[in-house]
N, C-alpha and C. Protein backbone atom coordinates (compact mmCIF):
# COMPACT_ATOMS: atom_id res chain seq x y z
N MET A 1 72.97 112.88 90.03
CA MET A 1 73.85 113.31 91.09
C MET A 1 74.02 112.21 92.14
N ARG A 2 72.92 111.51 92.46
CA ARG A 2 73.01 110.42 93.43
C ARG A 2 73.92 109.31 92.92
N CYS A 3 73.88 109.07 91.62
CA CYS A 3 74.72 108.03 91.02
C CYS A 3 76.20 108.37 91.24
N CYS A 4 76.57 109.62 91.01
CA CYS A 4 77.96 110.04 91.20
C CYS A 4 78.37 109.93 92.66
N ALA A 5 77.49 110.34 93.57
CA ALA A 5 77.80 110.26 95.00
C ALA A 5 77.97 108.80 95.41
N GLY A 6 77.12 107.93 94.87
CA GLY A 6 77.24 106.50 95.17
C GLY A 6 78.54 105.93 94.65
N ALA A 7 78.94 106.35 93.46
CA ALA A 7 80.20 105.86 92.88
C ALA A 7 81.39 106.34 93.69
N VAL A 8 81.35 107.61 94.11
CA VAL A 8 82.44 108.15 94.93
C VAL A 8 82.52 107.38 96.25
N TRP A 9 81.40 107.12 96.87
CA TRP A 9 81.38 106.37 98.13
C TRP A 9 81.95 104.97 97.94
N LEU A 10 81.60 104.32 96.85
CA LEU A 10 82.09 102.97 96.58
C LEU A 10 83.60 102.97 96.42
N VAL A 11 84.14 103.92 95.67
CA VAL A 11 85.59 104.02 95.49
C VAL A 11 86.27 104.32 96.82
N PHE A 12 85.69 105.22 97.60
CA PHE A 12 86.24 105.56 98.91
C PHE A 12 86.27 104.33 99.81
N ALA A 13 85.17 103.60 99.88
CA ALA A 13 85.09 102.41 100.73
C ALA A 13 86.08 101.35 100.27
N ALA A 14 86.23 101.18 98.98
CA ALA A 14 87.18 100.20 98.45
C ALA A 14 88.61 100.61 98.78
N GLY A 15 88.89 101.91 98.74
CA GLY A 15 90.22 102.41 99.08
C GLY A 15 90.56 102.15 100.53
N ILE A 16 89.59 102.33 101.41
CA ILE A 16 89.81 102.03 102.82
C ILE A 16 90.09 100.55 103.00
N GLN A 17 89.34 99.72 102.31
CA GLN A 17 89.54 98.27 102.41
C GLN A 17 90.94 97.89 101.93
N ALA A 18 91.39 98.50 100.83
CA ALA A 18 92.73 98.20 100.31
C ALA A 18 93.80 98.65 101.30
N ALA A 19 93.61 99.81 101.91
CA ALA A 19 94.59 100.30 102.88
C ALA A 19 94.64 99.39 104.10
N MET A 20 93.50 98.88 104.51
CA MET A 20 93.47 97.99 105.67
C MET A 20 94.11 96.64 105.36
N ALA A 21 94.16 96.26 104.09
CA ALA A 21 94.75 94.98 103.72
C ALA A 21 96.25 94.98 103.93
N GLN A 22 96.88 96.14 103.93
CA GLN A 22 98.32 96.25 104.13
C GLN A 22 98.54 97.04 105.42
N PRO A 23 98.56 96.36 106.58
CA PRO A 23 98.67 97.09 107.84
C PRO A 23 100.07 97.67 108.02
N PHE A 24 100.11 98.92 108.39
CA PHE A 24 101.37 99.58 108.70
C PHE A 24 101.32 100.01 110.15
N PRO A 25 102.46 100.00 110.84
CA PRO A 25 102.46 100.40 112.25
C PRO A 25 102.10 101.88 112.41
N ALA A 26 101.43 102.19 113.49
CA ALA A 26 101.07 103.58 113.79
C ALA A 26 102.33 104.39 114.10
N SER A 27 102.33 105.64 113.71
CA SER A 27 103.49 106.51 113.90
C SER A 27 103.92 106.59 115.36
N ASP A 28 102.95 106.62 116.26
CA ASP A 28 103.30 106.79 117.68
C ASP A 28 103.92 105.53 118.30
N THR A 29 103.99 104.44 117.54
CA THR A 29 104.63 103.23 118.04
C THR A 29 106.05 103.07 117.52
N LEU A 30 106.50 104.01 116.67
CA LEU A 30 107.81 103.89 116.03
C LEU A 30 108.84 104.77 116.72
N THR A 31 110.09 104.30 116.75
CA THR A 31 111.20 105.09 117.26
C THR A 31 111.58 106.14 116.21
N PRO A 32 112.39 107.14 116.57
CA PRO A 32 112.84 108.11 115.57
C PRO A 32 113.56 107.45 114.38
N GLN A 33 114.36 106.42 114.64
CA GLN A 33 115.04 105.71 113.56
C GLN A 33 114.02 105.02 112.64
N GLN A 34 113.02 104.39 113.23
CA GLN A 34 111.99 103.72 112.43
C GLN A 34 111.14 104.72 111.65
N LEU A 35 110.89 105.90 112.22
CA LEU A 35 110.16 106.93 111.49
C LEU A 35 110.95 107.40 110.27
N LEU A 36 112.26 107.59 110.45
CA LEU A 36 113.11 107.93 109.30
C LEU A 36 113.05 106.82 108.27
N GLY A 37 113.14 105.57 108.73
CA GLY A 37 113.06 104.43 107.82
C GLY A 37 111.74 104.37 107.09
N ARG A 38 110.65 104.69 107.79
CA ARG A 38 109.33 104.70 107.14
C ARG A 38 109.28 105.76 106.04
N ASN A 39 109.82 106.94 106.34
CA ASN A 39 109.81 108.01 105.34
C ASN A 39 110.63 107.63 104.11
N LEU A 40 111.78 107.03 104.32
CA LEU A 40 112.63 106.60 103.20
C LEU A 40 111.97 105.44 102.45
N PHE A 41 111.35 104.53 103.19
CA PHE A 41 110.62 103.41 102.58
C PHE A 41 109.50 103.94 101.69
N ASN A 42 108.72 104.91 102.21
CA ASN A 42 107.63 105.48 101.42
C ASN A 42 108.15 106.18 100.18
N GLN A 43 109.32 106.75 100.28
CA GLN A 43 109.92 107.50 99.17
C GLN A 43 110.48 106.58 98.09
N SER A 44 111.11 105.48 98.48
CA SER A 44 111.86 104.69 97.50
C SER A 44 111.46 103.23 97.37
N CYS A 45 110.78 102.66 98.35
CA CYS A 45 110.49 101.23 98.34
C CYS A 45 109.02 100.91 98.06
N MET A 46 108.16 101.79 98.51
CA MET A 46 106.73 101.53 98.45
C MET A 46 106.23 101.31 97.02
N VAL A 47 106.80 102.04 96.09
CA VAL A 47 106.30 101.96 94.71
C VAL A 47 106.37 100.54 94.15
N CYS A 48 107.32 99.74 94.59
CA CYS A 48 107.43 98.37 94.10
C CYS A 48 106.93 97.32 95.10
N HIS A 49 107.01 97.62 96.38
CA HIS A 49 106.73 96.60 97.40
C HIS A 49 105.34 96.69 98.04
N VAL A 50 104.54 97.67 97.62
CA VAL A 50 103.19 97.82 98.15
C VAL A 50 102.24 98.03 96.98
N LYS A 51 101.14 97.31 96.99
CA LYS A 51 100.13 97.50 95.95
C LYS A 51 99.43 98.82 96.24
N LEU A 52 99.65 99.81 95.39
CA LEU A 52 99.20 101.17 95.67
C LEU A 52 97.77 101.46 95.25
N GLN A 53 97.27 100.79 94.24
CA GLN A 53 95.94 101.10 93.74
C GLN A 53 95.09 99.84 93.73
N ILE A 54 93.82 100.04 93.92
CA ILE A 54 92.88 98.92 93.89
C ILE A 54 92.88 98.28 92.52
N THR A 55 93.02 99.10 91.49
CA THR A 55 92.93 98.59 90.12
C THR A 55 94.23 97.97 89.63
N SER A 56 95.33 98.13 90.40
CA SER A 56 96.59 97.53 89.98
C SER A 56 96.51 96.01 90.08
N PRO A 57 96.91 95.31 89.03
CA PRO A 57 96.82 93.85 89.11
C PRO A 57 97.82 93.24 90.08
N ALA A 58 98.94 93.90 90.29
CA ALA A 58 99.97 93.33 91.15
C ALA A 58 100.97 94.41 91.52
N LYS A 59 102.01 94.00 92.20
CA LYS A 59 103.13 94.89 92.50
C LYS A 59 104.39 94.22 91.96
N TYR A 60 105.49 94.98 91.87
CA TYR A 60 106.72 94.45 91.28
C TYR A 60 107.54 93.64 92.26
N GLY A 61 107.67 94.13 93.48
CA GLY A 61 108.50 93.46 94.47
C GLY A 61 107.70 92.57 95.39
N THR A 62 108.40 91.85 96.22
CA THR A 62 107.76 90.96 97.18
C THR A 62 107.21 91.75 98.35
N ASP A 63 106.32 91.13 99.12
CA ASP A 63 105.85 91.75 100.36
C ASP A 63 107.03 91.82 101.32
N LEU A 64 107.13 92.94 102.01
CA LEU A 64 108.19 93.09 103.01
C LEU A 64 107.57 93.02 104.39
N SER A 65 108.27 92.35 105.28
CA SER A 65 107.83 92.23 106.67
C SER A 65 109.05 91.94 107.53
N LYS A 66 108.79 91.79 108.82
CA LYS A 66 109.89 91.47 109.73
C LYS A 66 110.54 90.14 109.38
N ASN A 67 109.87 89.28 108.63
CA ASN A 67 110.42 87.98 108.25
C ASN A 67 111.06 87.98 106.86
N ALA A 68 111.08 89.13 106.19
CA ALA A 68 111.69 89.19 104.86
C ALA A 68 113.16 88.75 104.95
N LEU A 69 113.60 88.01 103.96
CA LEU A 69 114.98 87.51 103.89
C LEU A 69 115.36 86.75 105.17
N GLY A 70 114.41 86.00 105.70
CA GLY A 70 114.65 85.22 106.90
C GLY A 70 114.75 86.06 108.16
N GLY A 71 114.36 87.34 108.07
CA GLY A 71 114.44 88.21 109.23
C GLY A 71 115.85 88.64 109.59
N GLN A 72 116.82 88.35 108.72
CA GLN A 72 118.22 88.64 108.99
C GLN A 72 118.55 90.07 108.58
N GLU A 73 118.84 90.90 109.56
CA GLU A 73 119.09 92.31 109.29
C GLU A 73 120.31 92.52 108.39
N ALA A 74 121.36 91.73 108.57
CA ALA A 74 122.56 91.88 107.74
C ALA A 74 122.24 91.59 106.27
N VAL A 75 121.40 90.59 106.03
CA VAL A 75 121.01 90.25 104.66
C VAL A 75 120.14 91.36 104.09
N MET A 76 119.22 91.90 104.90
CA MET A 76 118.39 93.02 104.45
C MET A 76 119.27 94.21 104.04
N ARG A 77 120.25 94.53 104.88
CA ARG A 77 121.16 95.65 104.57
C ARG A 77 121.89 95.40 103.25
N ASP A 78 122.35 94.18 103.06
CA ASP A 78 123.09 93.85 101.84
C ASP A 78 122.20 93.98 100.60
N VAL A 79 120.98 93.48 100.67
CA VAL A 79 120.07 93.54 99.52
C VAL A 79 119.70 94.99 99.22
N ILE A 80 119.41 95.78 100.26
CA ILE A 80 119.08 97.19 100.02
C ILE A 80 120.28 97.92 99.43
N SER A 81 121.47 97.64 99.93
CA SER A 81 122.68 98.31 99.46
C SER A 81 123.05 97.91 98.04
N ASN A 82 123.09 96.60 97.79
CA ASN A 82 123.64 96.10 96.53
C ASN A 82 122.59 95.68 95.52
N GLY A 83 121.34 95.53 95.95
CA GLY A 83 120.28 95.15 95.04
C GLY A 83 120.31 93.67 94.70
N THR A 84 119.46 93.30 93.76
CA THR A 84 119.36 91.94 93.24
C THR A 84 119.21 92.07 91.73
N PRO A 85 119.13 90.96 91.00
CA PRO A 85 118.89 91.09 89.55
C PRO A 85 117.58 91.82 89.22
N ASN A 86 116.61 91.82 90.16
CA ASN A 86 115.33 92.47 89.90
C ASN A 86 115.13 93.77 90.67
N MET A 87 116.12 94.17 91.46
CA MET A 87 115.98 95.37 92.29
C MET A 87 117.28 96.16 92.26
N PRO A 88 117.17 97.49 92.11
CA PRO A 88 118.40 98.28 92.13
C PRO A 88 118.98 98.36 93.53
N GLY A 89 120.27 98.56 93.61
CA GLY A 89 120.92 98.80 94.89
C GLY A 89 120.82 100.28 95.24
N PHE A 90 120.87 100.58 96.53
CA PHE A 90 120.70 101.96 96.98
C PHE A 90 121.91 102.48 97.75
N LYS A 91 123.07 101.81 97.62
CA LYS A 91 124.23 102.25 98.40
C LYS A 91 124.77 103.61 97.97
N TYR A 92 124.45 104.03 96.76
CA TYR A 92 124.88 105.36 96.31
C TYR A 92 123.77 106.39 96.52
N HIS A 93 122.61 105.95 96.89
CA HIS A 93 121.46 106.82 97.11
C HIS A 93 121.28 107.14 98.59
N PHE A 94 121.52 106.14 99.45
CA PHE A 94 121.33 106.30 100.89
C PHE A 94 122.66 106.12 101.62
N GLU A 95 122.78 106.84 102.73
CA GLU A 95 123.91 106.65 103.65
C GLU A 95 123.67 105.35 104.43
N PRO A 96 124.72 104.73 104.98
CA PRO A 96 124.53 103.50 105.76
C PRO A 96 123.52 103.65 106.90
N GLU A 97 123.50 104.82 107.54
CA GLU A 97 122.55 105.05 108.63
C GLU A 97 121.12 105.05 108.12
N GLN A 98 120.93 105.54 106.90
CA GLN A 98 119.59 105.54 106.31
C GLN A 98 119.15 104.12 105.95
N ILE A 99 120.07 103.32 105.46
CA ILE A 99 119.75 101.92 105.16
C ILE A 99 119.42 101.18 106.45
N ASP A 100 120.16 101.48 107.53
CA ASP A 100 119.84 100.88 108.83
C ASP A 100 118.44 101.29 109.28
N ALA A 101 118.05 102.53 109.02
CA ALA A 101 116.72 103.01 109.39
C ALA A 101 115.64 102.27 108.61
N ILE A 102 115.87 102.02 107.32
CA ILE A 102 114.90 101.28 106.52
C ILE A 102 114.77 99.86 107.05
N VAL A 103 115.89 99.22 107.36
CA VAL A 103 115.85 97.87 107.93
C VAL A 103 115.08 97.88 109.25
N SER A 104 115.33 98.87 110.08
CA SER A 104 114.64 98.97 111.36
C SER A 104 113.13 99.10 111.15
N TYR A 105 112.72 99.88 110.15
CA TYR A 105 111.29 100.03 109.85
C TYR A 105 110.70 98.73 109.30
N VAL A 106 111.39 98.10 108.37
CA VAL A 106 110.88 96.85 107.79
C VAL A 106 110.69 95.81 108.89
N LYS A 107 111.53 95.82 109.90
CA LYS A 107 111.41 94.87 111.02
C LYS A 107 110.15 95.12 111.85
N THR A 108 109.46 96.26 111.64
CA THR A 108 108.21 96.52 112.35
C THR A 108 106.99 96.07 111.55
N LEU A 109 107.17 95.73 110.29
CA LEU A 109 106.04 95.38 109.43
C LEU A 109 105.57 93.96 109.72
N PRO A 110 104.28 93.78 109.93
CA PRO A 110 103.76 92.43 110.21
C PRO A 110 103.81 91.55 108.97
N VAL A 111 103.85 90.27 109.20
CA VAL A 111 103.82 89.29 108.11
C VAL A 111 102.44 89.32 107.47
N GLN A 112 102.42 89.39 106.15
CA GLN A 112 101.15 89.43 105.42
C GLN A 112 100.60 88.01 105.26
N PRO A 113 99.30 87.84 105.45
CA PRO A 113 98.72 86.52 105.19
C PRO A 113 98.80 86.21 103.70
N PRO A 114 98.92 84.95 103.34
CA PRO A 114 98.99 84.62 101.92
C PRO A 114 97.72 85.06 101.20
N SER A 115 97.91 85.60 100.01
CA SER A 115 96.74 86.03 99.24
C SER A 115 96.09 84.82 98.59
N ASN A 116 94.80 84.94 98.35
CA ASN A 116 94.07 83.86 97.70
C ASN A 116 94.34 83.89 96.20
N PRO A 117 94.90 82.84 95.65
CA PRO A 117 95.16 82.84 94.21
C PRO A 117 93.85 82.78 93.43
N PRO A 118 93.83 83.40 92.24
CA PRO A 118 92.61 83.34 91.44
C PRO A 118 92.28 81.91 91.03
N ARG A 119 91.00 81.63 90.93
CA ARG A 119 90.60 80.27 90.57
C ARG A 119 90.22 80.20 89.13
């Protein structure tokens, strides 16, 4: 029984560490538009742009932050709307106001430090 409790604690502690590696802004610091953007981001963007599990070797999309695509909101809107060769467009899924909300939320995300490549 102690072995199982120790294993659960280890997984829990590792999960906290993984969550801390990807800092997200606190809800009380976001505007209503950014909160909407966060909810839409969690629904449609997180699966590719955030490493969700400790055991996952990688994620599909790039890290997103306020500096993504040079920090240019118009370019962010265009990429979210029309997609890229590696990402679907969302102009038929989201209204323009929703895309603006996602851009507003992404602009709150801090720049991630470069990860250490495996040796």
